[in-house]
């Protein structure tokens, strides 16, 4: 898989992230794989916060919308072959 496809897969959820990580161009798409992993971890945290009655539900709705927007921004960036960090989470680095 080439760099662009691997980069796009990074933002499409855990299954596609794993496919991109295991079968794709890891070195060329490392930036986007990292951003996608941070988004996935963020969505898990937001899901856990959503369990809290009332305020957790509100935070989860807003957070889920933000994650969706960040995914779209990441996909657009990957399609343009840019390494543009996402707002709020762009500086978090998990993959070395």
PDB file of N, CA and C in Angstrom:
ATOM      1  N   UNK A   1       0.849  -1.177   0.000  1.00  0.00           N
ATOM      2  CA  UNK A   1       0.000   0.000   0.000  1.00  0.00           C
ATOM      3  C   UNK A   1       0.897   1.244   0.000  1.00  0.00           C
ATOM      4  N   UNK A   2       0.542   2.236  -0.783  1.00  0.00           N
ATOM      5  CA  UNK A   2       1.380   3.425  -0.839  1.00  0.00           C
ATOM      6  C   UNK A   2       1.095   4.370   0.329  1.00  0.00           C
ATOM      7  N   UNK A   3       1.907   5.405   0.417  1.00  0.00           N
ATOM      8  CA  UNK A   3       1.853   6.336   1.545  1.00  0.00           C
ATOM      9  C   UNK A   3       0.492   7.018   1.678  1.00  0.00           C
ATOM     10  N   UNK A   4      -0.090   7.458   0.568  1.00  0.00           N
ATOM     11  CA  UNK A   4      -1.347   8.200   0.630  1.00  0.00           C
ATOM     12  C   UNK A   4      -2.487   7.324   1.151  1.00  0.00           C
ATOM     13  N   UNK A   5      -2.600   6.097   0.656  1.00  0.00           N
ATOM     14  CA  UNK A   5      -3.655   5.186   1.113  1.00  0.00           C
ATOM     15  C   UNK A   5      -3.451   4.853   2.588  1.00  0.00           C
ATOM     16  N   UNK A   6      -2.209   4.572   2.972  1.00  0.00           N
ATOM     17  CA  UNK A   6      -1.912   4.276   4.375  1.00  0.00           C
ATOM     18  C   UNK A   6      -2.278   5.463   5.256  1.00  0.00           C
ATOM     19  N   UNK A   7      -1.970   6.674   4.802  1.00  0.00           N
ATOM     20  CA  UNK A   7      -2.283   7.884   5.571  1.00  0.00           C
ATOM     21  C   UNK A   7      -3.785   8.064   5.734  1.00  0.00           C
ATOM     22  N   UNK A   8      -4.546   7.809   4.690  1.00  0.00           N
ATOM     23  CA  UNK A   8      -6.006   7.939   4.767  1.00  0.00           C
ATOM     24  C   UNK A   8      -6.581   6.875   5.694  1.00  0.00           C
ATOM     25  N   UNK A   9      -6.086   5.636   5.583  1.00  0.00           N
ATOM     26  CA  UNK A   9      -6.561   4.549   6.448  1.00  0.00           C
ATOM     27  C   UNK A   9      -6.364   4.875   7.927  1.00  0.00           C
ATOM     28  N   UNK A  10      -5.360   5.664   8.249  1.00  0.00           N
ATOM     29  CA  UNK A  10      -5.061   5.982   9.646  1.00  0.00           C
ATOM     30  C   UNK A  10      -6.227   6.674  10.353  1.00  0.00           C
ATOM     31  N   UNK A  11      -7.086   7.346   9.600  1.00  0.00           N
ATOM     32  CA  UNK A  11      -8.184   8.112  10.193  1.00  0.00           C
ATOM     33  C   UNK A  11      -9.538   7.404  10.128  1.00  0.00           C
ATOM     34  N   UNK A  12      -9.594   6.192   9.607  1.00  0.00           N
ATOM     35  CA  UNK A  12     -10.875   5.526   9.378  1.00  0.00           C
ATOM     36  C   UNK A  12     -11.266   4.519  10.448  1.00  0.00           C
ATOM     37  N   UNK A  13     -10.645   4.548  11.579  1.00  0.00           N
ATOM     38  CA  UNK A  13     -10.995   3.626  12.657  1.00  0.00           C
ATOM     39  C   UNK A  13      -9.909   2.599  12.907  1.00  0.00           C
ATOM     40  N   UNK A  14     -10.075   1.848  13.977  1.00  0.00           N
ATOM     41  CA  UNK A  14      -9.036   0.934  14.443  1.00  0.00           C
ATOM     42  C   UNK A  14      -8.707  -0.160  13.431  1.00  0.00           C
ATOM     43  N   UNK A  15      -9.716  -0.755  12.811  1.00  0.00           N
ATOM     44  CA  UNK A  15      -9.456  -1.848  11.864  1.00  0.00           C
ATOM     45  C   UNK A  15      -8.626  -1.337  10.683  1.00  0.00           C
ATOM     46  N   UNK A  16      -9.038  -0.210  10.108  1.00  0.00           N
ATOM     47  CA  UNK A  16      -8.281   0.350   8.991  1.00  0.00           C
ATOM     48  C   UNK A  16      -6.909   0.834   9.447  1.00  0.00           C
ATOM     49  N   UNK A  17      -6.830   1.374  10.669  1.00  0.00           N
ATOM     50  CA  UNK A  17      -5.538   1.803  11.211  1.00  0.00           C
ATOM     51  C   UNK A  17      -4.586   0.611  11.283  1.00  0.00           C
ATOM     52  N   UNK A  18      -5.087  -0.519  11.787  1.00  0.00           N
ATOM     53  CA  UNK A  18      -4.253  -1.721  11.877  1.00  0.00           C
ATOM     54  C   UNK A  18      -3.810  -2.201  10.494  1.00  0.00           C
ATOM     55  N   UNK A  19      -4.718  -2.171   9.524  1.00  0.00           N
ATOM     56  CA  UNK A  19      -4.353  -2.566   8.156  1.00  0.00           C
ATOM     57  C   UNK A  19      -3.252  -1.646   7.630  1.00  0.00           C
ATOM     58  N   UNK A  20      -3.425  -0.350   7.819  1.00  0.00           N
ATOM     59  CA  UNK A  20      -2.408   0.603   7.375  1.00  0.00           C
ATOM     60  C   UNK A  20      -1.090   0.418   8.093  1.00  0.00           C
ATOM     61  N   UNK A  21      -1.156   0.133   9.389  1.00  0.00           N
ATOM     62  CA  UNK A  21       0.060  -0.036  10.180  1.00  0.00           C
ATOM     63  C   UNK A  21       0.799  -1.313   9.794  1.00  0.00           C
ATOM     64  N   UNK A  22       0.060  -2.388   9.591  1.00  0.00           N
ATOM     65  CA  UNK A  22       0.689  -3.682   9.323  1.00  0.00           C
ATOM     66  C   UNK A  22       1.063  -3.882   7.852  1.00  0.00           C
ATOM     67  N   UNK A  23       0.265  -3.345   6.935  1.00  0.00           N
ATOM     68  CA  UNK A  23       0.489  -3.630   5.518  1.00  0.00           C
ATOM     69  C   UNK A  23       0.924  -2.417   4.706  1.00  0.00           C
ATOM     70  N   UNK A  24       0.908  -1.255   5.309  1.00  0.00           N
ATOM     71  CA  UNK A  24       1.168  -0.050   4.530  1.00  0.00           C
ATOM     72  C   UNK A  24       2.588   0.465   4.656  1.00  0.00           C
ATOM     73  N   UNK A  25       2.804   1.624   4.076  1.00  0.00           N
ATOM     74  CA  UNK A  25       4.087   2.315   4.111  1.00  0.00           C
ATOM     75  C   UNK A  25       4.199   3.037   5.449  1.00  0.00           C
ATOM     76  N   UNK A  26       4.711   2.334   6.468  1.00  0.00           N
ATOM     77  CA  UNK A  26       4.758   2.892   7.823  1.00  0.00           C
ATOM     78  C   UNK A  26       5.638   4.128   7.913  1.00  0.00           C
ATOM     79  N   UNK A  27       6.800   4.080   7.299  1.00  0.00           N
ATOM     80  CA  UNK A  27       7.718   5.210   7.416  1.00  0.00           C
ATOM     81  C   UNK A  27       7.159   6.454   6.738  1.00  0.00           C
ATOM     82  N   UNK A  28       6.573   6.288   5.564  1.00  0.00           N
ATOM     83  CA  UNK A  28       6.040   7.433   4.842  1.00  0.00           C
ATOM     84  C   UNK A  28       4.803   8.028   5.485  1.00  0.00           C
ATOM     85  N   UNK A  29       4.035   7.203   6.185  1.00  0.00           N
ATOM     86  CA  UNK A  29       2.762   7.653   6.757  1.00  0.00           C
ATOM     87  C   UNK A  29       2.786   7.691   8.279  1.00  0.00           C
ATOM     88  N   UNK A  30       3.965   7.656   8.884  1.00  0.00           N
ATOM     89  CA  UNK A  30       4.060   7.596  10.343  1.00  0.00           C
ATOM     90  C   UNK A  30       3.337   8.764  11.021  1.00  0.00           C
ATOM     91  N   UNK A  31       3.451   9.954  10.452  1.00  0.00           N
ATOM     92  CA  UNK A  31       2.783  11.125  11.029  1.00  0.00           C
ATOM     93  C   UNK A  31       1.279  10.897  11.122  1.00  0.00           C
ATOM     94  N   UNK A  32       0.664  10.446  10.022  1.00  0.00           N
ATOM     95  CA  UNK A  32      -0.786  10.253  10.001  1.00  0.00           C
ATOM     96  C   UNK A  32      -1.206   9.045  10.834  1.00  0.00           C
ATOM     97  N   UNK A  33      -0.387   8.003  10.867  1.00  0.00           N
ATOM     98  CA  UNK A  33      -0.695   6.860  11.734  1.00  0.00           C
ATOM     99  C   UNK A  33      -0.713   7.292  13.196  1.00  0.00           C
ATOM    100  N   UNK A  34       0.216   8.162  13.576  1.00  0.00           N
ATOM    101  CA  UNK A  34       0.240   8.671  14.944  1.00  0.00           C
ATOM    102  C   UNK A  34      -1.007   9.503  15.236  1.00  0.00           C
ATOM    103  N   UNK A  35      -1.357  10.397  14.322  1.00  0.00           N
ATOM    104  CA  UNK A  35      -2.537  11.244  14.521  1.00  0.00           C
ATOM    105  C   UNK A  35      -3.807  10.394  14.631  1.00  0.00           C
ATOM    106  N   UNK A  36      -3.920   9.373  13.790  1.00  0.00           N
ATOM    107  CA  UNK A  36      -5.078   8.481  13.834  1.00  0.00           C
ATOM    108  C   UNK A  36      -5.155   7.705  15.136  1.00  0.00           C
ATOM    109  N   UNK A  37      -4.005   7.259  15.649  1.00  0.00           N
ATOM    110  CA  UNK A  37      -3.982   6.540  16.923  1.00  0.00           C
ATOM    111  C   UNK A  37      -4.397   7.449  18.070  1.00  0.00           C
ATOM    112  N   UNK A  38      -3.922   8.681  18.061  1.00  0.00           N
ATOM    113  CA  UNK A  38      -4.316   9.646  19.100  1.00  0.00           C
ATOM    114  C   UNK A  38      -5.819   9.914  19.023  1.00  0.00           C
ATOM    115  N   UNK A  39      -6.368  10.034  17.822  1.00  0.00           N
ATOM    116  CA  UNK A  39      -7.815  10.225  17.672  1.00  0.00           C
ATOM    117  C   UNK A  39      -8.590   9.029  18.213  1.00  0.00           C
ATOM    118  N   UNK A  40      -8.104   7.819  17.939  1.00  0.00           N
ATOM    119  CA  UNK A  40      -8.787   6.624  18.438  1.00  0.00           C
ATOM    120  C   UNK A  40      -8.774   6.590  19.966  1.00  0.00           C
ATOM    121  N   UNK A  41      -7.629   6.864  20.566  1.00  0.00           N
ATOM    122  CA  UNK A  41      -7.538   6.883  22.032  1.00  0.00           C
ATOM    123  C   UNK A  41      -8.455   7.966  22.594  1.00  0.00           C
ATOM    124  N   UNK A  42      -8.492   9.121  21.936  1.00  0.00           N
ATOM    125  CA  UNK A  42      -9.398  10.188  22.358  1.00  0.00           C
ATOM    126  C   UNK A  42     -10.854   9.773  22.283  1.00  0.00           C
ATOM    127  N   UNK A  43     -11.218   9.034  21.252  1.00  0.00           N
ATOM    128  CA  UNK A  43     -12.611   8.594  21.130  1.00  0.00           C
ATOM    129  C   UNK A  43     -12.968   7.568  22.202  1.00  0.00           C
ATOM    130  N   UNK A  44     -12.017   6.732  22.593  1.00  0.00           N
ATOM    131  CA  UNK A  44     -12.261   5.782  23.689  1.00  0.00           C
ATOM    132  C   UNK A  44     -12.475   6.539  25.000  1.00  0.00           C
ATOM    133  N   UNK A  45     -11.661   7.547  25.244  1.00  0.00           N
ATOM    134  CA  UNK A  45     -11.807   8.352  26.466  1.00  0.00           C
ATOM    135  C   UNK A  45     -13.146   9.083  26.460  1.00  0.00           C
ATOM    136  N   UNK A  46     -13.517   9.651  25.327  1.00  0.00           N
ATOM    137  CA  UNK A  46     -14.800  10.354  25.226  1.00  0.00           C
ATOM    138  C   UNK A  46     -15.957   9.389  25.453  1.00  0.00           C
ATOM    139  N   UNK A  47     -15.846   8.183  24.934  1.00  0.00           N
ATOM    140  CA  UNK A  47     -16.879   7.172  25.172  1.00  0.00           C
ATOM    141  C   UNK A  47     -17.012   6.826  26.638  1.00  0.00           C
ATOM    142  N   UNK A  48     -15.882   6.753  27.342  1.00  0.00           N
ATOM    143  CA  UNK A  48     -15.916   6.458  28.776  1.00  0.00           C
ATOM    144  C   UNK A  48     -16.546   7.607  29.556  1.00  0.00           C
ATOM    145  N   UNK A  49     -16.245   8.838  29.156  1.00  0.00           N
ATOM    146  CA  UNK A  49     -16.836  10.004  29.823  1.00  0.00           C
ATOM    147  C   UNK A  49     -18.340  10.043  29.584  1.00  0.00           C
ATOM    148  N   UNK A  50     -18.785   9.541  28.442  1.00  0.00           N
ATOM    149  CA  UNK A  50     -20.207   9.538  28.109  1.00  0.00           C
ATOM    150  C   UNK A  50     -21.065   8.716  29.049  1.00  0.00           C
ATOM    151  N   UNK A  51     -20.448   7.857  29.837  1.00  0.00           N
ATOM    152  CA  UNK A  51     -21.195   7.045  30.803  1.00  0.00           C
ATOM    153  C   UNK A  51     -21.739   7.902  31.946  1.00  0.00           C
ATOM    154  N   UNK A  52     -21.051   8.993  32.254  1.00  0.00           N
ATOM    155  CA  UNK A  52     -21.476   9.876  33.344  1.00  0.00           C
ATOM    156  C   UNK A  52     -22.803  10.527  32.953  1.00  0.00           C
ATOM    157  N   UNK A  53     -23.811  10.452  33.830  1.00  0.00           N
ATOM    158  CA  UNK A  53     -25.114  11.040  33.491  1.00  0.00           C
ATOM    159  C   UNK A  53     -25.038  12.549  33.244  1.00  0.00           C
ATOM    160  N   UNK A  54     -25.860  13.034  32.401  1.00  0.00           N
ATOM    161  CA  UNK A  54     -26.091  14.421  32.001  1.00  0.00           C
ATOM    162  C   UNK A  54     -24.820  15.103  31.475  1.00  0.00           C
ATOM    163  N   UNK A  55     -23.923  15.542  32.344  1.00  0.00           N
ATOM    164  CA  UNK A  55     -22.754  16.306  31.895  1.00  0.00           C
ATOM    165  C   UNK A  55     -21.841  15.447  31.023  1.00  0.00           C
ATOM    166  N   UNK A  56     -21.710  14.173  31.361  1.00  0.00           N
ATOM    167  CA  UNK A  56     -20.901  13.267  30.551  1.00  0.00           C
ATOM    168  C   UNK A  56     -21.479  13.078  29.167  1.00  0.00           C
ATOM    169  N   UNK A  57     -22.789  13.023  29.097  1.00  0.00           N
ATOM    170  CA  UNK A  57     -23.458  12.879  27.805  1.00  0.00           C
ATOM    171  C   UNK A  57     -23.218  14.102  26.932  1.00  0.00           C
ATOM    172  N   UNK A  58     -23.295  15.273  27.527  1.00  0.00           N
ATOM    173  CA  UNK A  58     -23.060  16.518  26.788  1.00  0.00           C
ATOM    174  C   UNK A  58     -21.614  16.577  26.303  1.00  0.00           C
ATOM    175  N   UNK A  59     -20.677  16.273  27.208  1.00  0.00           N
ATOM    176  CA  UNK A  59     -19.255  16.280  26.844  1.00  0.00           C
ATOM    177  C   UNK A  59     -18.981  15.251  25.746  1.00  0.00           C
ATOM    178  N   UNK A  60     -19.602  14.080  25.850  1.00  0.00           N
ATOM    179  CA  UNK A  60     -19.404  13.030  24.848  1.00  0.00           C
ATOM    180  C   UNK A  60     -19.942  13.457  23.482  1.00  0.00           C
ATOM    181  N   UNK A  61     -21.071  14.138  23.451  1.00  0.00           N
ATOM    182  CA  UNK A  61     -21.632  14.605  22.174  1.00  0.00           C
ATOM    183  C   UNK A  61     -20.709  15.627  21.518  1.00  0.00           C
ATOM    184  N   UNK A  62     -20.260  16.598  22.291  1.00  0.00           N
ATOM    185  CA  UNK A  62     -19.363  17.625  21.759  1.00  0.00           C
ATOM    186  C   UNK A  62     -18.025  16.997  21.353  1.00  0.00           C
ATOM    187  N   UNK A  63     -17.498  16.124  22.205  1.00  0.00           N
ATOM    188  CA  UNK A  63     -16.226  15.465  21.910  1.00  0.00           C
ATOM    189  C   UNK A  63     -16.300  14.581  20.679  1.00  0.00           C
ATOM    190  N   UNK A  64     -17.401  13.867  20.522  1.00  0.00           N
ATOM    191  CA  UNK A  64     -17.569  13.007  19.345  1.00  0.00           C
ATOM    192  C   UNK A  64     -17.633  13.831  18.067  1.00  0.00           C
ATOM    193  N   UNK A  65     -18.299  14.956  18.131  1.00  0.00           N
ATOM    194  CA  UNK A  65     -18.346  15.851  16.975  1.00  0.00           C
ATOM    195  C   UNK A  65     -16.945  16.371  16.650  1.00  0.00           C
ATOM    196  N   UNK A  66     -16.186  16.730  17.678  1.00  0.00           N
ATOM    197  CA  UNK A  66     -14.813  17.206  17.472  1.00  0.00           C
ATOM    198  C   UNK A  66     -13.947  16.113  16.849  1.00  0.00           C
ATOM    199  N   UNK A  67     -14.068  14.882  17.329  1.00  0.00           N
ATOM    200  CA  UNK A  67     -13.302  13.763  16.769  1.00  0.00           C
ATOM    201  C   UNK A  67     -13.656  13.573  15.288  1.00  0.00           C
ATOM    202  N   UNK A  68     -14.940  13.659  14.969  1.00  0.00           N
ATOM    203  CA  UNK A  68     -15.379  13.520  13.572  1.00  0.00           C
ATOM    204  C   UNK A  68     -14.758  14.607  12.693  1.00  0.00           C
ATOM    205  N   UNK A  69     -14.796  15.844  13.168  1.00  0.00           N
ATOM    206  CA  UNK A  69     -14.224  16.963  12.407  1.00  0.00           C
ATOM    207  C   UNK A  69     -12.715  16.771  12.247  1.00  0.00           C
ATOM    208  N   UNK A  70     -12.038  16.337  13.316  1.00  0.00           N
ATOM    209  CA  UNK A  70     -10.595  16.103  13.238  1.00  0.00           C
ATOM    210  C   UNK A  70     -10.270  14.990  12.238  1.00  0.00           C
ATOM    211  N   UNK A  71     -11.103  13.953  12.186  1.00  0.00           N
ATOM    212  CA  UNK A  71     -10.895  12.874  11.209  1.00  0.00           C
ATOM    213  C   UNK A  71     -10.996  13.406   9.786  1.00  0.00           C
ATOM    214  N   UNK A  72     -11.994  14.226   9.526  1.00  0.00           N
ATOM    215  CA  UNK A  72     -12.153  14.821   8.191  1.00  0.00           C
ATOM    216  C   UNK A  72     -10.944  15.697   7.863  1.00  0.00           C
ATOM    217  N   UNK A  73     -10.502  16.495   8.828  1.00  0.00           N
ATOM    218  CA  UNK A  73      -9.330  17.345   8.611  1.00  0.00           C
ATOM    219  C   UNK A  73      -8.090  16.500   8.315  1.00  0.00           C
ATOM    220  N   UNK A  74      -7.936  15.401   9.031  1.00  0.00           N
ATOM    221  CA  UNK A  74      -6.801  14.516   8.813  1.00  0.00           C
ATOM    222  C   UNK A  74      -6.839  13.854   7.448  1.00  0.00           C
ATOM    223  N   UNK A  75      -8.018  13.421   7.028  1.00  0.00           N
ATOM    224  CA  UNK A  75      -8.159  12.794   5.710  1.00  0.00           C
ATOM    225  C   UNK A  75      -7.838  13.795   4.601  1.00  0.00           C
ATOM    226  N   UNK A  76      -8.317  15.025   4.743  1.00  0.00           N
ATOM    227  CA  UNK A  76      -8.021  16.062   3.747  1.00  0.00           C
ATOM    228  C   UNK A  76      -6.515  16.317   3.697  1.00  0.00           C
ATOM    229  N   UNK A  77      -5.891  16.402   4.861  1.00  0.00           N
ATOM    230  CA  UNK A  77      -4.445  16.606   4.931  1.00  0.00           C
ATOM    231  C   UNK A  77      -3.690  15.446   4.288  1.00  0.00           C
ATOM    232  N   UNK A  78      -4.146  14.218   4.539  1.00  0.00           N
ATOM    233  CA  UNK A  78      -3.498  13.037   3.953  1.00  0.00           C
ATOM    234  C   UNK A  78      -3.666  13.018   2.433  1.00  0.00           C
ATOM    235  N   UNK A  79      -4.832  13.420   1.948  1.00  0.00           N
ATOM    236  CA  UNK A  79      -5.064  13.453   0.497  1.00  0.00           C
ATOM    237  C   UNK A  79      -4.159  14.465  -0.199  1.00  0.00           C
ATOM    238  N   UNK A  80      -3.833  15.538   0.491  1.00  0.00           N
ATOM    239  CA  UNK A  80      -2.960  16.573  -0.071  1.00  0.00           C
ATOM    240  C   UNK A  80      -1.480  16.279   0.171  1.00  0.00           C
ATOM    241  N   UNK A  81      -1.164  15.154   0.797  1.00  0.00           N
ATOM    242  CA  UNK A  81       0.217  14.790   1.162  1.00  0.00           C
ATOM    243  C   UNK A  81       0.861  15.835   2.069  1.00  0.00           C
ATOM    244  N   UNK A  82       0.073  16.412   2.962  1.00  0.00           N
ATOM    245  CA  UNK A  82       0.580  17.377   3.937  1.00  0.00           C
ATOM    246  C   UNK A  82       0.677  16.709   5.305  1.00  0.00           C
ATOM    247  N   UNK A  83       1.583  17.204   6.118  1.00  0.00           N
ATOM    248  CA  UNK A  83       1.685  16.743   7.503  1.00  0.00           C
ATOM    249  C   UNK A  83       1.277  17.892   8.418  1.00  0.00           C
ATOM    250  N   UNK A  84       0.011  18.223   8.361  1.00  0.00           N
ATOM    251  CA  UNK A  84      -0.534  19.332   9.137  1.00  0.00           C
ATOM    252  C   UNK A  84      -1.096  18.782  10.444  1.00  0.00           C
ATOM    253  N   UNK A  85      -0.549  19.211  11.603  1.00  0.00           N
ATOM    254  CA  UNK A  85      -1.041  18.694  12.887  1.00  0.00           C
ATOM    255  C   UNK A  85      -2.494  19.096  13.140  1.00  0.00           C
ATOM    256  N   UNK A  86      -3.234  18.191  13.748  1.00  0.00           N
ATOM    257  CA  UNK A  86      -4.630  18.461  14.085  1.00  0.00           C
ATOM    258  C   UNK A  86      -4.703  19.400  15.286  1.00  0.00           C
ATOM    259  N   UNK A  87      -5.763  20.203  15.382  1.00  0.00           N
ATOM    260  CA  UNK A  87      -5.911  21.098  16.532  1.00  0.00           C
ATOM    261  C   UNK A  87      -6.002  20.306  17.840  1.00  0.00           C
ATOM    262  N   UNK A  88      -5.499  20.855  18.894  1.00  0.00           N
ATOM    263  CA  UNK A  88      -5.541  20.325  20.260  1.00  0.00           C
ATOM    264  C   UNK A  88      -4.685  19.079  20.475  1.00  0.00           C
ATOM    265  N   UNK A  89      -4.688  18.157  19.550  1.00  0.00           N
ATOM    266  CA  UNK A  89      -3.993  16.885  19.770  1.00  0.00           C
ATOM    267  C   UNK A  89      -2.792  16.701  18.858  1.00  0.00           C
ATOM    268  N   UNK A  90      -2.519  17.639  18.003  1.00  0.00           N
ATOM    269  CA  UNK A  90      -1.488  17.487  16.983  1.00  0.00           C
ATOM    270  C   UNK A  90      -0.083  17.305  17.507  1.00  0.00           C
ATOM    271  N   UNK A  91       0.192  17.761  18.715  1.00  0.00           N
ATOM    272  CA  UNK A  91       1.550  17.667  19.255  1.00  0.00           C
ATOM    273  C   UNK A  91       1.786  16.399  20.068  1.00  0.00           C
ATOM    274  N   UNK A  92       0.747  15.609  20.283  1.00  0.00           N
ATOM    275  CA  UNK A  92       0.890  14.359  21.036  1.00  0.00           C
ATOM    276  C   UNK A  92       1.507  13.318  20.114  1.00  0.00           C
ATOM    277  N   UNK A  93       2.598  12.703  20.578  1.00  0.00           N
ATOM    278  CA  UNK A  93       3.271  11.704  19.749  1.00  0.00           C
ATOM    279  C   UNK A  93       3.361  10.389  20.514  1.00  0.00           C
ATOM    280  N   UNK A  94       2.743   9.349  19.959  1.00  0.00           N
ATOM    281  CA  UNK A  94       2.766   8.021  20.563  1.00  0.00           C
ATOM    282  C   UNK A  94       3.739   7.126  19.808  1.00  0.00           C
ATOM    283  N   UNK A  95       3.659   7.151  18.482  1.00  0.00           N
ATOM    284  CA  UNK A  95       4.562   6.348  17.657  1.00  0.00           C
ATOM    285  C   UNK A  95       5.872   7.092  17.463  1.00  0.00           C
ATOM    286  N   UNK A  96       6.959   6.410  17.664  1.00  0.00           N
ATOM    287  CA  UNK A  96       8.280   7.039  17.480  1.00  0.00           C
ATOM    288  C   UNK A  96       8.808   6.751  16.101  1.00  0.00           C
TER     289      UNK A  96
END
